[in-house]
Amino acid sequence: MDIKQIFENNQNWIIKQLKMDEEYFDKLGKGQSPEFLYIGCSDSRVSAEELMGLEPGRVFVHRNIANMIPNTDLNSMSVINYAVDHLKVKYIVVCGHYGCGGVHAAMQQSDLGILNPWLRNIRDVYRIHQKTLDKITDEDEKYKKLVELNVQEQCVNVIKTAEVQRAIRKRNLKVYGWIFDIHTGKLVDLNINFTEILKDITKIYKITD
């Protein structure tokens, strides 16, 4: 694609938005008050607002390879802090997707250079759930299960943070784990039992004010 086409697309988009709402950009300029923090994968086929059917300003988005939230990643931690303590989001969604290249790469034994430390976090998820995963003989099904378990463990990492723990106690912040089925377009709620997870986390990771 010629890069000039991007700017032509932008002009056409502006015209389209103003036809639908003359005050569209005035409204955008007044600030944001999103209800959702969406943590998803950087995959070019997955767009948060589109798959959720929401307009700009409703979703605060953080994306990286394989929708990871390592507790040592300053980027992820800063996004969570800002979204929870300053934007006061009501919901945090960790959304993985079937067909995730990052999860697939983590299942291989190849040396991927600078990606190794990042993918090691996914391999840690495999280690934690090795008994479950090793029982699955079909490689495609094992891959899909690891995608799901990775979402669950990243939700756990979200709940480990002090600001999320405070927001859960004080204003009932909700955390969800979803999967985007890239083959059907459907969003799947993993229905993770966070009540039980919170009990376990509280024993070890509880942070008091």
N, C-alpha and C. Protein backbone atom coordinates (compact mmCIF):
# COMPACT_ATOMS: atom_id res chain seq x y z
N MET A 1 0.84 -1.20 0.00
CA MET A 1 0.00 0.00 0.00
C MET A 1 0.87 1.25 0.00
N ASP A 2 0.52 2.20 -0.83
CA ASP A 2 1.21 3.49 -0.84
C ASP A 2 0.84 4.24 0.43
N ILE A 3 1.84 4.77 1.13
CA ILE A 3 1.58 5.45 2.41
C ILE A 3 0.65 6.64 2.23
N LYS A 4 0.64 7.23 1.03
CA LYS A 4 -0.26 8.37 0.77
C LYS A 4 -1.72 7.95 0.90
N GLN A 5 -1.97 6.67 0.63
CA GLN A 5 -3.34 6.18 0.71
C GLN A 5 -3.88 6.28 2.14
N ILE A 6 -2.98 6.13 3.11
CA ILE A 6 -3.39 6.23 4.51
C ILE A 6 -3.97 7.61 4.80
N PHE A 7 -3.33 8.65 4.29
CA PHE A 7 -3.80 10.02 4.54
C PHE A 7 -5.09 10.31 3.77
N GLU A 8 -5.24 9.70 2.61
CA GLU A 8 -6.50 9.81 1.89
C GLU A 8 -7.62 9.11 2.66
N ASN A 9 -7.30 7.95 3.20
CA ASN A 9 -8.27 7.22 4.01
C ASN A 9 -8.68 8.06 5.22
N ASN A 10 -7.68 8.73 5.81
CA ASN A 10 -7.96 9.56 6.98
C ASN A 10 -8.93 10.70 6.64
N GLN A 11 -8.70 11.35 5.51
CA GLN A 11 -9.60 12.43 5.09
C GLN A 11 -11.01 11.92 4.84
N ASN A 12 -11.12 10.75 4.22
CA ASN A 12 -12.43 10.16 3.98
C ASN A 12 -13.13 9.78 5.28
N TRP A 13 -12.32 9.31 6.24
CA TRP A 13 -12.87 8.95 7.55
C TRP A 13 -13.40 10.18 8.27
N ILE A 14 -12.66 11.28 8.21
CA ILE A 14 -13.10 12.53 8.84
C ILE A 14 -14.44 12.97 8.26
N ILE A 15 -14.52 12.95 6.93
CA ILE A 15 -15.77 13.35 6.26
C ILE A 15 -16.93 12.46 6.71
N LYS A 16 -16.67 11.16 6.77
CA LYS A 16 -17.70 10.20 7.17
C LYS A 16 -18.18 10.46 8.60
N GLN A 17 -17.22 10.69 9.52
CA GLN A 17 -17.59 10.92 10.91
C GLN A 17 -18.39 12.21 11.08
N LEU A 18 -17.99 13.26 10.38
CA LEU A 18 -18.68 14.55 10.50
C LEU A 18 -20.08 14.50 9.88
N LYS A 19 -20.27 13.66 8.88
CA LYS A 19 -21.60 13.49 8.31
C LYS A 19 -22.55 12.86 9.32
N MET A 20 -22.01 11.93 10.10
CA MET A 20 -22.83 11.25 11.10
C MET A 20 -23.04 12.11 12.34
N ASP A 21 -22.02 12.93 12.69
CA ASP A 21 -22.11 13.76 13.89
C ASP A 21 -21.18 14.97 13.72
N GLU A 22 -21.75 16.13 13.55
CA GLU A 22 -20.96 17.34 13.32
C GLU A 22 -20.06 17.68 14.51
N GLU A 23 -20.41 17.19 15.69
CA GLU A 23 -19.64 17.50 16.90
C GLU A 23 -18.72 16.34 17.31
N TYR A 24 -18.53 15.40 16.42
CA TYR A 24 -17.77 14.19 16.75
C TYR A 24 -16.40 14.51 17.34
N PHE A 25 -15.64 15.35 16.66
CA PHE A 25 -14.27 15.63 17.12
C PHE A 25 -14.25 16.59 18.29
N ASP A 26 -15.26 17.44 18.40
CA ASP A 26 -15.38 18.29 19.58
C ASP A 26 -15.58 17.43 20.83
N LYS A 27 -16.39 16.39 20.68
CA LYS A 27 -16.64 15.49 21.80
C LYS A 27 -15.38 14.71 22.18
N LEU A 28 -14.66 14.24 21.15
CA LEU A 28 -13.41 13.52 21.43
C LEU A 28 -12.41 14.41 22.16
N GLY A 29 -12.38 15.67 21.78
CA GLY A 29 -11.42 16.60 22.37
C GLY A 29 -11.68 16.95 23.82
N LYS A 30 -12.88 16.63 24.30
CA LYS A 30 -13.24 16.97 25.69
C LYS A 30 -12.67 15.99 26.70
N GLY A 31 -12.05 14.92 26.23
CA GLY A 31 -11.45 13.97 27.17
C GLY A 31 -12.09 12.59 27.07
N GLN A 32 -11.63 11.69 27.92
CA GLN A 32 -12.12 10.32 27.89
C GLN A 32 -12.62 9.89 29.26
N SER A 33 -13.61 9.02 29.25
CA SER A 33 -14.08 8.42 30.49
C SER A 33 -14.47 6.97 30.21
N PRO A 34 -13.48 6.14 29.84
CA PRO A 34 -13.76 4.76 29.47
C PRO A 34 -14.21 3.91 30.65
N GLU A 35 -15.08 2.97 30.37
CA GLU A 35 -15.52 2.02 31.39
C GLU A 35 -14.62 0.79 31.43
N PHE A 36 -13.97 0.51 30.32
CA PHE A 36 -13.19 -0.72 30.18
C PHE A 36 -11.69 -0.43 30.03
N LEU A 37 -10.89 -1.26 30.69
CA LEU A 37 -9.49 -1.41 30.32
C LEU A 37 -9.41 -2.75 29.60
N TYR A 38 -9.00 -2.71 28.34
CA TYR A 38 -8.88 -3.92 27.52
C TYR A 38 -7.40 -4.21 27.34
N ILE A 39 -6.98 -5.39 27.77
CA ILE A 39 -5.60 -5.83 27.60
C ILE A 39 -5.61 -6.98 26.61
N GLY A 40 -5.08 -6.73 25.41
CA GLY A 40 -5.17 -7.73 24.36
C GLY A 40 -3.85 -7.93 23.64
N CYS A 41 -3.90 -8.73 22.60
CA CYS A 41 -2.72 -9.06 21.82
C CYS A 41 -2.49 -8.02 20.73
N SER A 42 -1.24 -7.83 20.36
CA SER A 42 -0.88 -6.88 19.31
C SER A 42 -1.21 -7.39 17.91
N ASP A 43 -1.68 -8.59 17.79
CA ASP A 43 -2.01 -9.20 16.49
C ASP A 43 -2.81 -8.23 15.63
N SER A 44 -2.39 -8.07 14.39
CA SER A 44 -3.00 -7.08 13.49
C SER A 44 -4.43 -7.42 13.11
N ARG A 45 -4.87 -8.64 13.39
CA ARG A 45 -6.23 -9.06 13.02
C ARG A 45 -7.25 -8.80 14.13
N VAL A 46 -6.79 -8.32 15.28
CA VAL A 46 -7.67 -8.18 16.45
C VAL A 46 -7.75 -6.73 16.87
N SER A 47 -8.91 -6.13 16.69
CA SER A 47 -9.13 -4.73 17.05
C SER A 47 -10.14 -4.63 18.18
N ALA A 48 -9.74 -4.07 19.31
CA ALA A 48 -10.55 -4.08 20.52
C ALA A 48 -11.93 -3.46 20.33
N GLU A 49 -11.96 -2.20 19.87
CA GLU A 49 -13.24 -1.51 19.76
C GLU A 49 -14.17 -2.19 18.77
N GLU A 50 -13.60 -2.67 17.66
CA GLU A 50 -14.42 -3.30 16.63
C GLU A 50 -15.08 -4.56 17.15
N LEU A 51 -14.31 -5.44 17.77
CA LEU A 51 -14.89 -6.71 18.20
C LEU A 51 -15.84 -6.52 19.37
N MET A 52 -15.69 -5.41 20.14
CA MET A 52 -16.60 -5.13 21.25
C MET A 52 -17.79 -4.28 20.80
N GLY A 53 -17.70 -3.73 19.60
CA GLY A 53 -18.80 -2.91 19.09
C GLY A 53 -18.97 -1.60 19.83
N LEU A 54 -17.85 -1.01 20.27
CA LEU A 54 -17.90 0.23 21.05
C LEU A 54 -17.19 1.36 20.32
N GLU A 55 -17.63 2.59 20.62
CA GLU A 55 -17.07 3.77 20.00
C GLU A 55 -15.79 4.22 20.70
N PRO A 56 -14.96 5.04 20.02
CA PRO A 56 -13.78 5.62 20.67
C PRO A 56 -14.18 6.37 21.95
N GLY A 57 -13.35 6.23 22.98
CA GLY A 57 -13.63 6.87 24.25
C GLY A 57 -14.22 5.93 25.29
N ARG A 58 -14.63 4.73 24.84
CA ARG A 58 -15.26 3.78 25.76
C ARG A 58 -14.29 2.72 26.27
N VAL A 59 -13.17 2.55 25.56
CA VAL A 59 -12.24 1.47 25.91
C VAL A 59 -10.81 2.02 25.96
N PHE A 60 -10.15 1.83 27.11
CA PHE A 60 -8.73 2.16 27.25
C PHE A 60 -7.96 0.89 26.91
N VAL A 61 -7.07 0.96 25.93
CA VAL A 61 -6.50 -0.25 25.33
C VAL A 61 -5.00 -0.37 25.58
N HIS A 62 -4.61 -1.56 25.99
CA HIS A 62 -3.19 -1.91 26.08
C HIS A 62 -2.99 -3.22 25.34
N ARG A 63 -2.03 -3.24 24.40
CA ARG A 63 -1.79 -4.44 23.62
C ARG A 63 -0.30 -4.78 23.58
N ASN A 64 -0.01 -6.05 23.63
CA ASN A 64 1.36 -6.52 23.46
C ASN A 64 1.32 -7.95 22.94
N ILE A 65 2.47 -8.54 22.71
CA ILE A 65 2.53 -9.90 22.19
C ILE A 65 1.94 -10.87 23.20
N ALA A 66 0.85 -11.54 22.79
CA ALA A 66 0.19 -12.59 23.58
C ALA A 66 -0.50 -12.06 24.84
N ASN A 67 -0.93 -10.80 24.82
CA ASN A 67 -1.72 -10.21 25.92
C ASN A 67 -1.17 -10.56 27.31
N MET A 68 0.11 -10.24 27.50
CA MET A 68 0.79 -10.57 28.75
C MET A 68 0.74 -9.41 29.75
N ILE A 69 0.72 -9.75 31.04
CA ILE A 69 0.83 -8.75 32.10
C ILE A 69 1.89 -9.21 33.10
N PRO A 70 3.15 -9.25 32.68
CA PRO A 70 4.20 -9.60 33.65
C PRO A 70 4.29 -8.52 34.73
N ASN A 71 4.40 -8.94 35.97
CA ASN A 71 4.42 -7.97 37.06
C ASN A 71 5.65 -7.08 37.06
N THR A 72 6.67 -7.46 36.28
CA THR A 72 7.89 -6.66 36.19
C THR A 72 7.88 -5.72 34.99
N ASP A 73 6.80 -5.75 34.20
CA ASP A 73 6.73 -4.93 33.00
C ASP A 73 6.16 -3.55 33.35
N LEU A 74 7.01 -2.53 33.32
CA LEU A 74 6.61 -1.19 33.72
C LEU A 74 5.49 -0.65 32.83
N ASN A 75 5.51 -1.00 31.58
CA ASN A 75 4.48 -0.55 30.65
C ASN A 75 3.10 -1.04 31.10
N SER A 76 2.96 -2.35 31.29
CA SER A 76 1.69 -2.93 31.71
C SER A 76 1.25 -2.37 33.06
N MET A 77 2.18 -2.29 33.99
CA MET A 77 1.83 -1.82 35.33
C MET A 77 1.39 -0.36 35.31
N SER A 78 2.02 0.45 34.45
CA SER A 78 1.64 1.87 34.35
C SER A 78 0.25 2.02 33.74
N VAL A 79 -0.05 1.20 32.75
CA VAL A 79 -1.37 1.24 32.12
C VAL A 79 -2.44 0.87 33.14
N ILE A 80 -2.22 -0.19 33.90
CA ILE A 80 -3.19 -0.60 34.92
C ILE A 80 -3.38 0.48 35.97
N ASN A 81 -2.27 1.05 36.43
CA ASN A 81 -2.35 2.10 37.44
C ASN A 81 -3.17 3.29 36.94
N TYR A 82 -2.88 3.73 35.73
CA TYR A 82 -3.58 4.90 35.18
C TYR A 82 -5.06 4.61 34.96
N ALA A 83 -5.35 3.43 34.41
CA ALA A 83 -6.73 3.08 34.11
C ALA A 83 -7.56 2.93 35.39
N VAL A 84 -6.97 2.32 36.41
CA VAL A 84 -7.72 2.02 37.63
C VAL A 84 -7.79 3.22 38.57
N ASP A 85 -6.66 3.85 38.84
CA ASP A 85 -6.61 4.92 39.83
C ASP A 85 -7.03 6.28 39.28
N HIS A 86 -6.83 6.52 37.99
CA HIS A 86 -7.11 7.85 37.44
C HIS A 86 -8.35 7.87 36.54
N LEU A 87 -8.47 6.89 35.66
CA LEU A 87 -9.66 6.83 34.79
C LEU A 87 -10.84 6.17 35.48
N LYS A 88 -10.56 5.41 36.55
CA LYS A 88 -11.62 4.75 37.33
C LYS A 88 -12.45 3.80 36.47
N VAL A 89 -11.80 2.99 35.65
CA VAL A 89 -12.54 2.02 34.84
C VAL A 89 -13.31 1.07 35.75
N LYS A 90 -14.42 0.56 35.21
CA LYS A 90 -15.27 -0.37 35.97
C LYS A 90 -14.91 -1.82 35.71
N TYR A 91 -14.31 -2.06 34.55
CA TYR A 91 -14.03 -3.43 34.14
C TYR A 91 -12.62 -3.53 33.54
N ILE A 92 -11.93 -4.61 33.87
CA ILE A 92 -10.68 -4.93 33.21
C ILE A 92 -10.89 -6.25 32.46
N VAL A 93 -10.59 -6.24 31.18
CA VAL A 93 -10.74 -7.43 30.35
C VAL A 93 -9.37 -7.84 29.82
N VAL A 94 -8.98 -9.08 30.08
CA VAL A 94 -7.82 -9.66 29.43
C VAL A 94 -8.37 -10.54 28.31
N CYS A 95 -8.03 -10.22 27.07
CA CYS A 95 -8.60 -10.93 25.93
C CYS A 95 -7.51 -11.56 25.08
N GLY A 96 -7.46 -12.88 25.08
CA GLY A 96 -6.57 -13.61 24.19
C GLY A 96 -7.31 -13.99 22.92
N HIS A 97 -6.64 -14.69 22.03
CA HIS A 97 -7.32 -15.12 20.81
C HIS A 97 -6.70 -16.41 20.29
N TYR A 98 -7.58 -17.26 19.76
CA TYR A 98 -7.10 -18.46 19.10
C TYR A 98 -6.30 -18.05 17.87
N GLY A 99 -5.27 -18.80 17.55
CA GLY A 99 -4.40 -18.43 16.44
C GLY A 99 -3.32 -17.45 16.86
N CYS A 100 -3.03 -17.39 18.16
CA CYS A 100 -2.03 -16.43 18.68
C CYS A 100 -0.62 -16.92 18.38
N GLY A 101 0.12 -16.14 17.61
CA GLY A 101 1.48 -16.50 17.23
C GLY A 101 2.43 -16.54 18.41
N GLY A 102 2.23 -15.64 19.38
CA GLY A 102 3.09 -15.61 20.55
C GLY A 102 2.98 -16.87 21.38
N VAL A 103 1.76 -17.34 21.59
CA VAL A 103 1.55 -18.58 22.36
C VAL A 103 2.10 -19.77 21.58
N HIS A 104 1.89 -19.77 20.28
CA HIS A 104 2.41 -20.87 19.46
C HIS A 104 3.94 -20.91 19.51
N ALA A 105 4.57 -19.72 19.45
CA ALA A 105 6.03 -19.66 19.51
C ALA A 105 6.55 -20.17 20.85
N ALA A 106 5.82 -19.90 21.91
CA ALA A 106 6.23 -20.34 23.25
C ALA A 106 6.18 -21.86 23.39
N MET A 107 5.37 -22.51 22.55
CA MET A 107 5.27 -23.97 22.61
C MET A 107 6.43 -24.64 21.88
N GLN A 108 7.18 -23.87 21.10
CA GLN A 108 8.31 -24.42 20.37
C GLN A 108 9.59 -24.34 21.22
N GLN A 109 10.62 -25.00 20.77
CA GLN A 109 11.89 -24.99 21.50
C GLN A 109 12.97 -24.21 20.76
N SER A 110 12.52 -23.30 19.91
CA SER A 110 13.46 -22.50 19.12
C SER A 110 14.00 -21.33 19.94
N ASP A 111 15.23 -20.94 19.63
CA ASP A 111 15.84 -19.75 20.22
C ASP A 111 15.38 -18.55 19.40
N LEU A 112 14.57 -17.69 20.01
CA LEU A 112 14.00 -16.55 19.30
C LEU A 112 14.60 -15.23 19.74
N GLY A 113 15.79 -15.27 20.28
CA GLY A 113 16.53 -14.06 20.60
C GLY A 113 15.84 -13.19 21.64
N ILE A 114 15.63 -11.92 21.29
CA ILE A 114 15.08 -10.95 22.24
C ILE A 114 13.68 -11.34 22.71
N LEU A 115 13.01 -12.20 21.95
CA LEU A 115 11.67 -12.65 22.35
C LEU A 115 11.71 -13.67 23.49
N ASN A 116 12.86 -14.29 23.70
CA ASN A 116 12.95 -15.37 24.70
C ASN A 116 12.44 -14.97 26.09
N PRO A 117 12.89 -13.83 26.66
CA PRO A 117 12.41 -13.47 28.00
C PRO A 117 10.91 -13.25 28.06
N TRP A 118 10.36 -12.68 26.97
CA TRP A 118 8.92 -12.42 26.95
C TRP A 118 8.14 -13.72 26.87
N LEU A 119 8.56 -14.61 25.97
CA LEU A 119 7.87 -15.88 25.80
C LEU A 119 8.05 -16.80 27.01
N ARG A 120 9.09 -16.56 27.78
CA ARG A 120 9.30 -17.37 28.98
C ARG A 120 8.13 -17.25 29.94
N ASN A 121 7.47 -16.10 29.94
CA ASN A 121 6.29 -15.93 30.79
C ASN A 121 5.17 -16.87 30.38
N ILE A 122 5.03 -17.11 29.07
CA ILE A 122 4.01 -18.05 28.60
C ILE A 122 4.43 -19.48 28.93
N ARG A 123 5.72 -19.74 28.81
CA ARG A 123 6.22 -21.08 29.16
C ARG A 123 6.01 -21.35 30.65
N ASP A 124 6.07 -20.32 31.46
CA ASP A 124 5.77 -20.48 32.89
C ASP A 124 4.31 -20.90 33.09
N VAL A 125 3.42 -20.36 32.25
CA VAL A 125 2.01 -20.77 32.31
C VAL A 125 1.90 -22.26 31.99
N TYR A 126 2.65 -22.70 30.97
CA TYR A 126 2.66 -24.13 30.62
C TYR A 126 3.15 -24.95 31.81
N ARG A 127 4.23 -24.48 32.43
CA ARG A 127 4.79 -25.23 33.57
C ARG A 127 3.77 -25.36 34.70
N ILE A 128 3.06 -24.27 35.00
CA ILE A 128 2.07 -24.28 36.08
C ILE A 128 0.95 -25.28 35.79
N HIS A 129 0.57 -25.37 34.51
CA HIS A 129 -0.57 -26.22 34.12
C HIS A 129 -0.11 -27.44 33.30
N GLN A 130 1.11 -27.88 33.54
CA GLN A 130 1.68 -28.95 32.71
C GLN A 130 0.87 -30.24 32.77
N LYS A 131 0.38 -30.61 33.94
CA LYS A 131 -0.38 -31.86 34.07
C LYS A 131 -1.64 -31.83 33.20
N THR A 132 -2.31 -30.68 33.20
CA THR A 132 -3.52 -30.54 32.38
C THR A 132 -3.18 -30.58 30.90
N LEU A 133 -2.16 -29.84 30.51
CA LEU A 133 -1.81 -29.73 29.10
C LEU A 133 -1.22 -31.02 28.53
N ASP A 134 -0.44 -31.73 29.34
CA ASP A 134 0.19 -32.95 28.85
C ASP A 134 -0.82 -34.08 28.63
N LYS A 135 -2.00 -33.95 29.20
CA LYS A 135 -3.04 -34.95 28.99
C LYS A 135 -3.72 -34.79 27.62
N ILE A 136 -3.53 -33.63 27.00
CA ILE A 136 -4.16 -33.35 25.70
C ILE A 136 -3.22 -33.81 24.60
N THR A 137 -3.66 -34.80 23.82
CA THR A 137 -2.80 -35.38 22.79
C THR A 137 -2.89 -34.63 21.46
N ASP A 138 -4.02 -34.01 21.19
CA ASP A 138 -4.18 -33.25 19.96
C ASP A 138 -3.47 -31.91 20.10
N GLU A 139 -2.48 -31.64 19.24
CA GLU A 139 -1.67 -30.43 19.38
C GLU A 139 -2.47 -29.15 19.21
N ASP A 140 -3.45 -29.15 18.31
CA ASP A 140 -4.28 -27.96 18.12
C ASP A 140 -5.11 -27.66 19.36
N GLU A 141 -5.65 -28.72 19.97
CA GLU A 141 -6.45 -28.54 21.19
C GLU A 141 -5.57 -28.10 22.36
N LYS A 142 -4.36 -28.65 22.42
CA LYS A 142 -3.42 -28.25 23.47
C LYS A 142 -3.07 -26.76 23.33
N TYR A 143 -2.86 -26.36 22.10
CA TYR A 143 -2.54 -24.95 21.78
C TYR A 143 -3.68 -24.03 22.21
N LYS A 144 -4.91 -24.40 21.88
CA LYS A 144 -6.07 -23.59 22.27
C LYS A 144 -6.21 -23.53 23.79
N LYS A 145 -5.96 -24.65 24.45
CA LYS A 145 -6.06 -24.69 25.91
C LYS A 145 -5.01 -23.79 26.54
N LEU A 146 -3.80 -23.77 25.98
CA LEU A 146 -2.75 -22.90 26.51
C LEU A 146 -3.13 -21.43 26.31
N VAL A 147 -3.76 -21.09 25.19
CA VAL A 147 -4.26 -19.72 24.98
C VAL A 147 -5.21 -19.34 26.10
N GLU A 148 -6.12 -20.26 26.45
CA GLU A 148 -7.11 -19.99 27.49
C GLU A 148 -6.45 -19.88 28.87
N LEU A 149 -5.54 -20.79 29.17
CA LEU A 149 -4.87 -20.77 30.46
C LEU A 149 -3.97 -19.54 30.60
N ASN A 150 -3.40 -19.10 29.49
CA ASN A 150 -2.59 -17.88 29.53
C ASN A 150 -3.45 -16.68 29.91
N VAL A 151 -4.65 -16.60 29.35
CA VAL A 151 -5.57 -15.52 29.73
C VAL A 151 -5.86 -15.58 31.23
N GLN A 152 -6.14 -16.78 31.72
CA GLN A 152 -6.43 -16.93 33.15
C GLN A 152 -5.28 -16.45 34.01
N GLU A 153 -4.06 -16.85 33.66
CA GLU A 153 -2.90 -16.46 34.48
C GLU A 153 -2.61 -14.97 34.38
N GLN A 154 -2.89 -14.36 33.24
CA GLN A 154 -2.69 -12.92 33.14
C GLN A 154 -3.74 -12.16 33.96
N CYS A 155 -4.94 -12.72 34.05
CA CYS A 155 -5.95 -12.14 34.95
C CYS A 155 -5.47 -12.20 36.41
N VAL A 156 -4.84 -13.31 36.75
CA VAL A 156 -4.27 -13.45 38.09
C VAL A 156 -3.21 -12.38 38.31
N ASN A 157 -2.36 -12.13 37.32
CA ASN A 157 -1.34 -11.10 37.44
C ASN A 157 -1.96 -9.72 37.62
N VAL A 158 -3.08 -9.47 36.96
CA VAL A 158 -3.79 -8.20 37.13
C VAL A 158 -4.25 -8.05 38.58
N ILE A 159 -4.82 -9.12 39.12
CA ILE A 159 -5.39 -9.07 40.47
C ILE A 159 -4.30 -8.98 41.54
N LYS A 160 -3.08 -9.36 41.21
CA LYS A 160 -1.98 -9.23 42.17
C LYS A 160 -1.63 -7.78 42.48
N THR A 161 -1.99 -6.85 41.58
CA THR A 161 -1.54 -5.47 41.74
C THR A 161 -2.32 -4.75 42.84
N ALA A 162 -1.65 -3.84 43.51
CA ALA A 162 -2.24 -3.14 44.66
C ALA A 162 -3.46 -2.32 44.26
N GLU A 163 -3.38 -1.59 43.13
CA GLU A 163 -4.49 -0.72 42.74
C GLU A 163 -5.73 -1.51 42.38
N VAL A 164 -5.55 -2.66 41.77
CA VAL A 164 -6.70 -3.50 41.42
C VAL A 164 -7.32 -4.08 42.69
N GLN A 165 -6.50 -4.54 43.62
CA GLN A 165 -7.03 -5.06 44.88
C GLN A 165 -7.84 -4.00 45.62
N ARG A 166 -7.32 -2.78 45.66
CA ARG A 166 -8.06 -1.69 46.32
C ARG A 166 -9.39 -1.41 45.61
N ALA A 167 -9.35 -1.37 44.28
CA ALA A 167 -10.56 -1.05 43.52
C ALA A 167 -11.61 -2.15 43.64
N ILE A 168 -11.18 -3.40 43.76
CA ILE A 168 -12.12 -4.50 43.97
C ILE A 168 -12.81 -4.34 45.31
N ARG A 169 -12.04 -3.98 46.34
CA ARG A 169 -12.61 -3.82 47.69
C ARG A 169 -13.50 -2.59 47.79
N LYS A 170 -13.05 -1.49 47.22
CA LYS A 170 -13.72 -0.20 47.46
C LYS A 170 -14.85 0.11 46.48
N ARG A 171 -14.72 -0.34 45.22
CA ARG A 171 -15.77 0.02 44.25
C ARG A 171 -16.15 -1.13 43.31
N ASN A 172 -15.83 -2.35 43.75
CA ASN A 172 -16.31 -3.56 43.06
C ASN A 172 -15.85 -3.63 41.60
N LEU A 173 -14.61 -3.25 41.35
CA LEU A 173 -14.03 -3.42 40.03
C LEU A 173 -14.11 -4.89 39.63
N LYS A 174 -14.45 -5.14 38.35
CA LYS A 174 -14.57 -6.51 37.86
C LYS A 174 -13.44 -6.83 36.88
N VAL A 175 -12.95 -8.07 36.95
CA VAL A 175 -11.92 -8.55 36.02
C VAL A 175 -12.49 -9.73 35.25
N TYR A 176 -12.29 -9.72 33.92
CA TYR A 176 -12.82 -10.78 33.07
C TYR A 176 -11.72 -11.34 32.18
N GLY A 177 -11.84 -12.62 31.88
CA GLY A 177 -10.96 -13.28 30.92
C GLY A 177 -11.77 -13.73 29.71
N TRP A 178 -11.42 -13.22 28.55
CA TRP A 178 -12.14 -13.53 27.32
C TRP A 178 -11.20 -14.13 26.28
N ILE A 179 -11.80 -14.80 25.31
CA ILE A 179 -11.10 -15.27 24.12
C ILE A 179 -11.84 -14.74 22.90
N PHE A 180 -11.09 -14.24 21.93
CA PHE A 180 -11.66 -13.89 20.63
C PHE A 180 -11.37 -15.05 19.69
N ASP A 181 -12.45 -15.69 19.22
CA ASP A 181 -12.28 -16.79 18.27
C ASP A 181 -12.11 -16.20 16.88
N ILE A 182 -10.90 -16.17 16.42
CA ILE A 182 -10.58 -15.48 15.18
C ILE A 182 -11.20 -16.18 13.96
N HIS A 183 -11.63 -17.43 14.13
CA HIS A 183 -12.22 -18.18 13.03
C HIS A 183 -13.72 -17.94 12.88
N THR A 184 -14.36 -17.46 13.94
CA THR A 184 -15.81 -17.22 13.89
C THR A 184 -16.19 -15.77 14.18
N GLY A 185 -15.26 -15.02 14.78
CA GLY A 185 -15.55 -13.65 15.16
C GLY A 185 -16.19 -13.52 16.53
N LYS A 186 -16.44 -14.65 17.20
CA LYS A 186 -17.15 -14.61 18.48
C LYS A 186 -16.21 -14.30 19.65
N LEU A 187 -16.76 -13.54 20.61
CA LEU A 187 -16.10 -13.36 21.89
C LEU A 187 -16.60 -14.45 22.84
N VAL A 188 -15.66 -15.08 23.53
CA VAL A 188 -16.01 -16.16 24.45
C VAL A 188 -15.58 -15.76 25.86
N ASP A 189 -16.54 -15.74 26.80
CA ASP A 189 -16.22 -15.49 28.20
C ASP A 189 -15.76 -16.80 28.82
N LEU A 190 -14.56 -16.83 29.36
CA LEU A 190 -14.03 -18.05 29.96
C LEU A 190 -14.67 -18.37 31.31
N ASN A 191 -15.47 -17.43 31.82
CA ASN A 191 -16.18 -17.65 33.09
C ASN A 191 -15.23 -18.12 34.19
N ILE A 192 -14.12 -17.43 34.30
CA ILE A 192 -13.13 -17.77 35.31
C ILE A 192 -13.70 -17.46 36.70
N ASN A 193 -13.56 -18.40 37.61
CA ASN A 193 -14.09 -18.24 38.97
C ASN A 193 -13.12 -17.39 39.80
N PHE A 194 -13.31 -16.08 39.71
CA PHE A 194 -12.38 -15.19 40.40
C PHE A 194 -12.61 -15.16 41.90
N THR A 195 -13.77 -15.61 42.35
CA THR A 195 -14.01 -15.68 43.80
C THR A 195 -13.01 -16.64 44.43
N GLU A 196 -12.85 -17.81 43.81
CA GLU A 196 -11.90 -18.79 44.33
C GLU A 196 -10.46 -18.31 44.15
N ILE A 197 -10.18 -17.73 42.98
CA ILE A 197 -8.84 -17.24 42.71
C ILE A 197 -8.46 -16.14 43.70
N LEU A 198 -9.41 -15.25 43.97
CA LEU A 198 -9.15 -14.17 44.93
C LEU A 198 -8.82 -14.71 46.31
N LYS A 199 -9.50 -15.79 46.71
CA LYS A 199 -9.21 -16.39 48.02
C LYS A 199 -7.77 -16.86 48.08
N ASP A 200 -7.33 -17.52 47.01
CA ASP A 200 -5.96 -18.02 46.97
C ASP A 200 -4.96 -16.88 46.92
N ILE A 201 -5.27 -15.88 46.11
CA ILE A 201 -4.36 -14.75 45.97
C ILE A 201 -4.25 -13.96 47.27
N THR A 202 -5.39 -13.84 47.97
CA THR A 202 -5.41 -13.08 49.21
C THR A 202 -4.44 -13.64 50.24
N LYS A 203 -4.30 -14.95 50.23
CA LYS A 203 -3.41 -15.59 51.21
C LYS A 203 -1.96 -15.17 51.02
N ILE A 204 -1.60 -14.92 49.76
CA ILE A 204 -0.18 -14.67 49.44
C ILE A 204 0.09 -13.25 49.00
N TYR A 205 -0.82 -12.71 48.17
CA TYR A 205 -0.53 -11.43 47.50
C TYR A 205 -1.30 -10.25 48.07
N LYS A 206 -2.10 -10.45 49.12
CA LYS A 206 -2.92 -9.36 49.62
C LYS A 206 -2.07 -8.18 50.05
N ILE A 207 -2.50 -7.00 49.58
CA ILE A 207 -1.82 -5.75 49.93
C ILE A 207 -2.83 -4.86 50.62
N THR A 208 -2.55 -4.44 51.82
CA THR A 208 -3.48 -3.59 52.57
C THR A 208 -3.08 -2.12 52.43
N ASP A 209 -4.06 -1.25 52.62
CA ASP A 209 -3.80 0.19 52.53
C ASP A 209 -2.92 0.65 53.69
